[in-house]
Amino acid sequence: MRDVEPGRRRAGPSKPDPCPICGKPPEAAFVPFCSARCADIDLGRWLTDRYVIPTAEDEDEDADGVGSRSDRNG
């Protein structure tokens, strides 16, 4: 009995995703980045609010079509 259908390959080690900043292959010491420089660039983007994780509160404000929270309070 075969474990894999004919014509299909077994899942093996996959190729790592490229660095999200520059696209180069990642280095083990900086995964998922290729260098300390790219890791620092990413950190800087988080610290300067260029990356934002949406929250349920943000979705509620967008969905109601009413202005900002300060408009509703007074």
N, C-alpha and C. Protein backbone atom coordinates (compact mmCIF):
# COMPACT_ATOMS: atom_id res chain seq x y z
N MET A 1 0.85 -1.19 0.00
CA MET A 1 0.00 0.00 0.00
C MET A 1 0.89 1.24 0.00
N ARG A 2 0.51 2.20 -0.80
CA ARG A 2 1.30 3.44 -0.90
C ARG A 2 0.75 4.50 0.04
N ASP A 3 1.67 5.31 0.58
CA ASP A 3 1.28 6.40 1.47
C ASP A 3 0.88 7.64 0.69
N VAL A 4 1.38 7.76 -0.54
CA VAL A 4 1.16 8.96 -1.33
C VAL A 4 0.54 8.56 -2.66
N GLU A 5 -0.41 9.35 -3.13
CA GLU A 5 -1.02 9.07 -4.43
C GLU A 5 0.02 9.21 -5.52
N PRO A 6 -0.11 8.41 -6.60
CA PRO A 6 0.83 8.54 -7.72
C PRO A 6 0.83 9.97 -8.26
N GLY A 7 2.00 10.48 -8.55
CA GLY A 7 2.11 11.83 -9.10
C GLY A 7 2.17 12.93 -8.06
N ARG A 8 1.98 12.59 -6.80
CA ARG A 8 2.05 13.60 -5.73
C ARG A 8 3.30 13.37 -4.92
N ARG A 9 3.94 14.44 -4.52
CA ARG A 9 5.15 14.33 -3.71
C ARG A 9 4.79 14.43 -2.24
N ARG A 10 5.63 13.82 -1.44
CA ARG A 10 5.45 13.95 0.01
C ARG A 10 5.85 15.35 0.44
N ALA A 11 5.20 15.81 1.47
CA ALA A 11 5.56 17.12 2.02
C ALA A 11 6.91 16.99 2.71
N GLY A 12 7.82 17.83 2.34
CA GLY A 12 9.15 17.83 2.94
C GLY A 12 9.45 19.20 3.49
N PRO A 13 10.68 19.44 3.80
CA PRO A 13 11.04 20.78 4.27
C PRO A 13 10.72 21.81 3.20
N SER A 14 9.99 22.81 3.58
CA SER A 14 9.62 23.82 2.60
C SER A 14 10.66 24.93 2.55
N LYS A 15 10.68 25.62 1.46
CA LYS A 15 11.58 26.75 1.29
C LYS A 15 11.11 27.88 2.21
N PRO A 16 12.00 28.48 2.98
CA PRO A 16 11.56 29.55 3.89
C PRO A 16 11.07 30.77 3.13
N ASP A 17 10.14 31.47 3.73
CA ASP A 17 9.63 32.70 3.13
C ASP A 17 10.75 33.74 3.08
N PRO A 18 10.73 34.60 2.07
CA PRO A 18 11.77 35.63 1.98
C PRO A 18 11.60 36.70 3.07
N CYS A 19 12.63 37.46 3.28
CA CYS A 19 12.60 38.58 4.22
C CYS A 19 11.44 39.50 3.85
N PRO A 20 10.57 39.86 4.79
CA PRO A 20 9.43 40.72 4.46
C PRO A 20 9.82 42.15 4.11
N ILE A 21 11.03 42.55 4.40
CA ILE A 21 11.48 43.92 4.11
C ILE A 21 12.12 44.00 2.73
N CYS A 22 13.08 43.12 2.44
CA CYS A 22 13.83 43.26 1.18
C CYS A 22 13.67 42.08 0.23
N GLY A 23 13.11 40.97 0.69
CA GLY A 23 12.89 39.83 -0.18
C GLY A 23 14.04 38.85 -0.29
N LYS A 24 15.15 39.09 0.40
CA LYS A 24 16.28 38.16 0.38
C LYS A 24 15.96 36.94 1.26
N PRO A 25 16.69 35.83 1.08
CA PRO A 25 16.48 34.66 1.94
C PRO A 25 16.81 35.01 3.39
N PRO A 26 16.04 34.48 4.35
CA PRO A 26 16.30 34.80 5.76
C PRO A 26 17.56 34.13 6.28
N GLU A 27 18.17 34.76 7.27
CA GLU A 27 19.32 34.20 7.98
C GLU A 27 18.81 33.64 9.31
N ALA A 28 19.35 32.50 9.73
CA ALA A 28 18.88 31.83 10.94
C ALA A 28 18.89 32.74 12.16
N ALA A 29 19.87 33.59 12.29
CA ALA A 29 19.98 34.46 13.46
C ALA A 29 18.93 35.56 13.49
N PHE A 30 18.31 35.86 12.35
CA PHE A 30 17.38 36.99 12.26
C PHE A 30 16.00 36.60 11.73
N VAL A 31 15.69 35.31 11.64
CA VAL A 31 14.41 34.85 11.06
C VAL A 31 13.26 35.63 11.66
N PRO A 32 12.34 36.16 10.89
CA PRO A 32 12.12 35.94 9.46
C PRO A 32 12.87 36.93 8.58
N PHE A 33 13.78 37.68 9.14
CA PHE A 33 14.52 38.70 8.38
C PHE A 33 15.86 38.16 7.90
N CYS A 34 16.49 38.90 6.99
CA CYS A 34 17.79 38.47 6.46
C CYS A 34 18.95 39.09 7.22
N SER A 35 18.68 40.15 7.99
CA SER A 35 19.76 40.85 8.67
C SER A 35 19.21 41.66 9.84
N ALA A 36 20.11 42.12 10.69
CA ALA A 36 19.70 42.99 11.79
C ALA A 36 19.12 44.29 11.25
N ARG A 37 19.64 44.75 10.12
CA ARG A 37 19.15 45.99 9.52
C ARG A 37 17.66 45.88 9.18
N CYS A 38 17.28 44.78 8.50
CA CYS A 38 15.87 44.61 8.13
C CYS A 38 14.99 44.42 9.37
N ALA A 39 15.50 43.72 10.38
CA ALA A 39 14.75 43.57 11.62
C ALA A 39 14.53 44.93 12.28
N ASP A 40 15.54 45.79 12.26
CA ASP A 40 15.42 47.13 12.85
C ASP A 40 14.45 48.00 12.05
N ILE A 41 14.46 47.88 10.74
CA ILE A 41 13.51 48.63 9.90
C ILE A 41 12.09 48.24 10.28
N ASP A 42 11.84 46.93 10.43
CA ASP A 42 10.51 46.45 10.79
C ASP A 42 10.10 46.97 12.17
N LEU A 43 11.00 46.90 13.13
CA LEU A 43 10.72 47.41 14.47
C LEU A 43 10.38 48.89 14.43
N GLY A 44 11.14 49.65 13.66
CA GLY A 44 10.87 51.08 13.53
C GLY A 44 9.49 51.35 12.96
N ARG A 45 9.06 50.53 12.03
CA ARG A 45 7.72 50.70 11.46
C ARG A 45 6.64 50.45 12.50
N TRP A 46 6.84 49.45 13.35
CA TRP A 46 5.87 49.21 14.42
C TRP A 46 5.86 50.38 15.42
N LEU A 47 7.05 50.86 15.78
CA LEU A 47 7.14 51.92 16.80
C LEU A 47 6.63 53.26 16.31
N THR A 48 6.60 53.49 15.00
CA THR A 48 6.10 54.75 14.46
C THR A 48 4.68 54.61 13.91
N ASP A 49 4.00 53.52 14.30
CA ASP A 49 2.60 53.27 13.92
C ASP A 49 2.36 53.13 12.42
N ARG A 50 3.39 52.74 11.66
CA ARG A 50 3.16 52.45 10.24
C ARG A 50 2.44 51.12 10.09
N TYR A 51 2.62 50.23 11.07
CA TYR A 51 1.87 48.98 11.12
C TYR A 51 0.87 49.12 12.25
N VAL A 52 -0.37 48.74 12.01
CA VAL A 52 -1.41 48.83 13.03
C VAL A 52 -2.24 47.55 12.98
N ILE A 53 -2.51 46.97 14.13
CA ILE A 53 -3.38 45.80 14.20
C ILE A 53 -4.79 46.30 14.48
N PRO A 54 -5.74 46.03 13.58
CA PRO A 54 -7.11 46.50 13.80
C PRO A 54 -7.74 45.80 15.00
N THR A 55 -8.59 46.51 15.71
CA THR A 55 -9.29 45.95 16.85
C THR A 55 -10.78 45.93 16.56
N ALA A 56 -11.55 45.23 17.37
CA ALA A 56 -12.99 45.18 17.21
C ALA A 56 -13.59 46.57 17.37
N GLU A 57 -13.02 47.38 18.24
CA GLU A 57 -13.50 48.74 18.45
C GLU A 57 -13.35 49.57 17.17
N ASP A 58 -12.22 49.42 16.48
CA ASP A 58 -12.00 50.13 15.22
C ASP A 58 -13.04 49.73 14.19
N GLU A 59 -13.38 48.44 14.10
CA GLU A 59 -14.35 47.96 13.13
C GLU A 59 -15.73 48.52 13.45
N ASP A 60 -16.11 48.60 14.73
CA ASP A 60 -17.41 49.15 15.12
C ASP A 60 -17.53 50.60 14.71
N GLU A 61 -16.49 51.38 14.89
CA GLU A 61 -16.52 52.80 14.53
C GLU A 61 -16.67 52.97 13.03
N ASP A 62 -16.00 52.14 12.24
CA ASP A 62 -16.10 52.23 10.80
C ASP A 62 -17.48 51.80 10.31
N ALA A 63 -18.09 50.84 10.96
CA ALA A 63 -19.35 50.27 10.49
C ALA A 63 -20.55 51.17 10.78
N ASP A 64 -20.51 51.97 11.85
CA ASP A 64 -21.70 52.74 12.19
C ASP A 64 -21.89 53.99 11.35
N GLY A 65 -20.86 54.44 10.66
CA GLY A 65 -20.99 55.59 9.77
C GLY A 65 -21.12 56.92 10.49
N VAL A 66 -21.07 56.92 11.81
CA VAL A 66 -21.15 58.14 12.60
C VAL A 66 -19.73 58.62 12.81
N GLY A 67 -19.50 59.87 13.02
CA GLY A 67 -18.15 60.44 13.15
C GLY A 67 -17.30 59.77 14.19
N SER A 68 -16.30 60.46 14.64
CA SER A 68 -15.37 59.90 15.62
C SER A 68 -16.03 59.80 16.99
N ARG A 69 -15.35 59.17 17.91
CA ARG A 69 -15.87 58.98 19.25
C ARG A 69 -16.15 60.33 19.91
N SER A 70 -15.30 61.31 19.70
CA SER A 70 -15.50 62.62 20.32
C SER A 70 -16.76 63.30 19.79
N ASP A 71 -17.14 63.03 18.53
CA ASP A 71 -18.37 63.59 17.98
C ASP A 71 -19.59 63.02 18.69
N ARG A 72 -19.53 61.76 19.08
CA ARG A 72 -20.67 61.11 19.70
C ARG A 72 -20.81 61.50 21.16
N ASN A 73 -19.73 61.90 21.80
CA ASN A 73 -19.78 62.21 23.23
C ASN A 73 -20.21 63.64 23.51
N GLY A 74 -20.26 64.43 22.54
CA GLY A 74 -20.67 65.73 22.95
C GLY A 74 -20.52 66.76 21.98
